[in-house]
Amino acid sequence: MNTQIRRVLGLVSGPGSERLGLQAVRLAIALVFLWIGALKFAPYEADSITPFVANSPMMSFFYAHPDEYKAHLTHEGELKPAERAWQEQNRTYAFSNGLGAVEIAIGLLTLAGVVSRRWGLAGATLAFLTPIVTLSFLATTPEAWVPALGDGQHGFPFLSGAGRLVLKDVVLLAGAWLVLVDSARAALEARAAPEDLTVKLAQHPVLGSR
């Protein structure tokens, strides 16, 4: 291994590079939550999550008619006033707006971790818990798998477009865990700092005797 390669590897593996990577992961997670959260206020996005919510034991009660969603599904970019009206009655948009607000809050808290240990820890915790919920959709949502329409490749392990979208949350889960660990470490260090200062003052030959 020549000197130049060793130098590059040294820079990449250094503590400064690791710190930069953690901050980049933090910003990336914040961007995902902020952007996707903002999209939740758009009707097409609210329509697209209907199968996930309607089939989730933890969320279906938010809808007025979760068992009827299949007859009212639309494609992205498609406008059907009658289906939009049904989605309104189903409380699809009200739920999506609330979910969007939560996701934006998680994104802001995660982003705040750049300057605040406490808020960053809260954001990292929520960012870690969220994909655990979304990954459960693989077990509860039939639309996450290729349907049996004649092709031999259907059902498990053949993920549909919706299923592939959900599966990507394993990356979000892993990244959020790294940010959570870093935030927890920073919080512990901040808490230990005053205690260490007190011990040092008590042991000081002059100040400790006062």
Protein backbone atom coordinates (compact mmCIF):
# COMPACT_ATOMS: atom_id res chain seq x y z
CA MET A 1 0.00 0.00 0.00
CA ASN A 2 1.58 3.25 -1.10
CA THR A 3 1.85 6.39 1.02
CA GLN A 4 -0.92 8.32 -0.72
CA ILE A 5 -3.47 5.56 -0.19
CA ARG A 6 -2.45 5.21 3.45
CA ARG A 7 -2.85 8.96 3.91
CA VAL A 8 -6.35 8.93 2.37
CA LEU A 9 -7.39 5.94 4.46
CA GLY A 10 -6.04 7.69 7.54
CA LEU A 11 -8.18 10.75 6.84
CA VAL A 12 -11.28 8.64 6.16
CA SER A 13 -10.83 6.58 9.33
CA GLY A 14 -9.99 9.52 11.59
CA PRO A 15 -12.25 10.87 14.37
CA GLY A 16 -12.97 14.03 12.40
CA SER A 17 -14.26 12.01 9.47
CA GLU A 18 -16.40 9.89 11.78
CA ARG A 19 -17.88 13.01 13.34
CA LEU A 20 -18.61 14.45 9.90
CA GLY A 21 -20.32 11.21 8.89
CA LEU A 22 -22.55 11.21 11.95
CA GLN A 23 -23.62 14.79 11.33
CA ALA A 24 -24.30 13.93 7.68
CA VAL A 25 -26.52 11.02 8.76
CA ARG A 26 -28.31 13.33 11.19
CA LEU A 27 -28.96 15.89 8.45
CA ALA A 28 -30.06 13.20 5.99
CA ILE A 29 -32.58 11.78 8.47
CA ALA A 30 -33.89 15.27 9.20
CA LEU A 31 -34.26 15.95 5.46
CA VAL A 32 -36.25 12.74 4.93
CA PHE A 33 -38.67 13.50 7.76
CA LEU A 34 -39.09 17.16 6.82
CA TRP A 35 -39.66 16.50 3.11
CA ILE A 36 -41.90 13.46 3.47
CA GLY A 37 -43.74 15.14 6.32
CA ALA A 38 -44.47 18.19 4.18
CA LEU A 39 -45.73 15.95 1.36
CA LYS A 40 -48.27 14.40 3.74
CA PHE A 41 -50.30 17.60 3.33
CA ALA A 42 -50.71 16.86 -0.40
CA PRO A 43 -53.79 14.75 -1.25
CA TYR A 44 -51.90 12.39 -3.58
CA GLU A 45 -49.50 11.41 -0.79
CA ALA A 46 -52.35 10.93 1.66
CA ASP A 47 -54.08 8.69 -0.90
CA SER A 48 -50.92 6.62 -1.42
CA ILE A 49 -50.56 5.64 2.23
CA THR A 50 -54.19 4.47 2.50
CA PRO A 51 -53.41 0.72 2.19
CA PHE A 52 -50.74 0.92 4.90
CA VAL A 53 -52.96 2.75 7.37
CA ALA A 54 -56.14 0.81 6.61
CA ASN A 55 -54.44 -2.54 7.26
CA SER A 56 -52.42 -1.52 10.30
CA PRO A 57 -53.81 -2.68 13.68
CA MET A 58 -52.17 0.39 15.22
CA MET A 59 -53.62 2.95 12.79
CA SER A 60 -56.77 1.67 11.03
CA PHE A 61 -59.05 3.16 13.70
CA PHE A 62 -58.09 6.63 12.44
CA TYR A 63 -60.08 5.94 9.27
CA ALA A 64 -63.89 5.98 9.17
CA HIS A 65 -64.13 3.14 6.63
CA PRO A 66 -60.80 1.26 6.53
CA ASP A 67 -62.37 -1.88 5.00
CA GLU A 68 -63.55 0.00 1.89
CA TYR A 69 -60.28 1.59 0.75
CA LYS A 70 -59.57 -0.78 -2.17
CA ALA A 71 -62.50 0.52 -4.19
CA HIS A 72 -61.21 4.08 -3.91
CA LEU A 73 -57.49 3.81 -4.67
CA THR A 74 -56.00 6.13 -7.28
CA HIS A 75 -52.64 6.41 -9.02
CA GLU A 76 -50.19 9.23 -8.31
CA GLY A 77 -50.98 12.20 -10.53
CA GLU A 78 -54.53 10.97 -11.13
CA LEU A 79 -57.44 13.22 -10.13
CA LYS A 80 -60.80 11.60 -9.43
CA PRO A 81 -63.09 14.02 -7.58
CA ALA A 82 -65.41 11.24 -6.43
CA GLU A 83 -62.54 9.32 -4.83
CA ARG A 84 -61.16 12.49 -3.26
CA ALA A 85 -64.58 13.10 -1.72
CA TRP A 86 -64.61 9.56 -0.30
CA GLN A 87 -61.13 10.00 1.11
CA GLU A 88 -62.29 13.20 2.78
CA GLN A 89 -65.17 11.34 4.42
CA ASN A 90 -62.80 8.54 5.39
CA ARG A 91 -60.69 11.09 7.35
CA THR A 92 -57.74 10.17 5.12
CA TYR A 93 -56.57 13.75 4.75
CA ALA A 94 -57.09 14.69 8.39
CA PHE A 95 -54.96 11.72 9.47
CA SER A 96 -52.30 12.46 6.85
CA ASN A 97 -52.08 16.10 7.96
CA GLY A 98 -51.60 15.02 11.55
CA LEU A 99 -48.97 12.46 10.55
CA GLY A 100 -47.20 15.09 8.46
CA ALA A 101 -47.06 17.45 11.42
CA VAL A 102 -45.54 14.70 13.57
CA GLU A 103 -42.93 13.85 10.93
CA ILE A 104 -41.97 17.50 10.52
CA ALA A 105 -41.59 17.78 14.29
CA ILE A 106 -39.32 14.72 14.32
CA GLY A 107 -37.25 16.22 11.50
CA LEU A 108 -36.86 19.52 13.35
CA LEU A 109 -35.92 17.78 16.61
CA THR A 110 -33.36 15.64 14.79
CA LEU A 111 -31.95 18.72 13.09
CA ALA A 112 -31.78 20.50 16.46
CA GLY A 113 -29.31 17.82 17.56
CA VAL A 114 -26.61 19.79 15.77
CA VAL A 115 -26.80 22.45 18.48
CA SER A 116 -28.81 20.90 21.34
CA ARG A 117 -28.03 17.58 23.02
CA ARG A 118 -31.43 17.33 24.72
CA TRP A 119 -33.58 18.07 21.67
CA GLY A 120 -31.30 15.99 19.49
CA LEU A 121 -31.73 13.00 21.78
CA ALA A 122 -35.52 13.35 21.60
CA GLY A 123 -35.41 13.60 17.81
CA ALA A 124 -33.06 10.65 17.43
CA THR A 125 -35.27 8.49 19.67
CA LEU A 126 -38.39 9.29 17.65
CA ALA A 127 -36.52 8.86 14.35
CA PHE A 128 -35.45 5.39 15.50
CA LEU A 129 -38.93 4.32 16.65
CA THR A 130 -40.72 5.51 13.50
CA PRO A 131 -39.23 2.98 11.02
CA ILE A 132 -40.02 0.17 13.46
CA VAL A 133 -43.68 1.06 12.93
CA THR A 134 -43.40 1.48 9.16
CA LEU A 135 -41.50 -1.80 8.72
CA SER A 136 -44.44 -3.56 10.38
CA PHE A 137 -46.39 -2.69 7.22
CA LEU A 138 -44.57 -5.53 5.47
CA ALA A 139 -46.49 -7.93 7.70
CA THR A 140 -49.86 -6.16 7.62
CA THR A 141 -50.23 -4.68 4.11
CA PRO A 142 -51.17 -7.06 1.26
CA GLU A 143 -50.17 -4.39 -1.30
CA ALA A 144 -46.56 -4.65 -0.08
CA TRP A 145 -46.20 -7.89 -2.06
CA VAL A 146 -46.64 -8.70 -5.75
CA PRO A 147 -50.21 -9.97 -6.26
CA ALA A 148 -51.01 -13.31 -7.88
CA LEU A 149 -52.17 -12.09 -11.30
CA GLY A 150 -50.72 -14.86 -13.43
CA ASP A 151 -46.97 -14.39 -13.04
CA GLY A 152 -45.15 -17.05 -11.07
CA GLN A 153 -43.31 -14.47 -8.99
CA HIS A 154 -45.79 -13.26 -6.41
CA GLY A 155 -46.14 -13.12 -2.66
CA PHE A 156 -43.10 -13.48 -0.39
CA PRO A 157 -40.27 -12.62 -1.09
CA PHE A 158 -41.37 -10.59 -4.13
CA LEU A 159 -41.85 -7.06 -2.91
CA SER A 160 -44.11 -4.70 -4.83
CA GLY A 161 -43.24 -1.04 -5.39
CA ALA A 162 -44.91 -0.21 -2.08
CA GLY A 163 -43.02 -3.00 -0.33
CA ARG A 164 -39.68 -1.90 -1.74
CA LEU A 165 -40.39 1.61 -0.50
CA VAL A 166 -41.05 0.31 3.01
CA LEU A 167 -37.99 -1.96 3.03
CA LYS A 168 -35.72 1.05 2.56
CA ASP A 169 -36.63 2.09 6.09
CA VAL A 170 -34.14 -0.46 7.42
CA VAL A 171 -31.47 2.05 6.36
CA LEU A 172 -33.30 4.81 8.23
CA LEU A 173 -33.54 2.53 11.26
CA ALA A 174 -29.79 1.81 11.27
CA GLY A 175 -28.85 5.45 10.69
CA ALA A 176 -31.20 6.67 13.42
CA TRP A 177 -29.63 4.19 15.84
CA LEU A 178 -26.17 5.63 15.20
CA VAL A 179 -27.48 9.15 15.76
CA LEU A 180 -29.31 8.00 18.91
CA VAL A 181 -26.10 6.47 20.30
CA ASP A 182 -24.17 9.65 19.55
CA SER A 183 -26.87 11.82 21.14
CA ALA A 184 -27.01 9.64 24.26
CA ARG A 185 -23.22 9.76 24.60
CA ALA A 186 -23.23 13.55 24.26
CA ALA A 187 -25.98 13.85 26.89
CA LEU A 188 -24.05 11.67 29.34
CA GLU A 189 -20.85 13.64 28.77
CA ALA A 190 -22.68 16.91 29.39
CA ARG A 191 -24.11 15.55 32.63
CA ALA A 192 -20.75 14.23 33.80
CA ALA A 193 -18.87 17.46 33.09
CA PRO A 194 -20.19 19.47 36.10
CA GLU A 195 -19.59 16.50 38.40
CA ASP A 196 -16.00 16.18 37.22
CA LEU A 197 -15.49 19.89 37.80
CA THR A 198 -16.84 19.58 41.36
CA VAL A 199 -14.45 16.71 42.10
CA LYS A 200 -11.49 18.64 40.75
CA LEU A 201 -12.36 21.70 42.82
CA ALA A 202 -12.71 19.56 45.94
CA GLN A 203 -9.28 18.03 45.32
CA HIS A 204 -7.62 21.37 44.65
CA PRO A 205 -5.01 22.11 47.41
CA VAL A 206 -6.20 25.71 47.83
CA LEU A 207 -9.82 25.87 46.63
CA GLY A 208 -10.72 22.54 48.18
CA SER A 209 -9.79 23.73 51.68
CA ARG A 210 -12.20 26.65 51.59
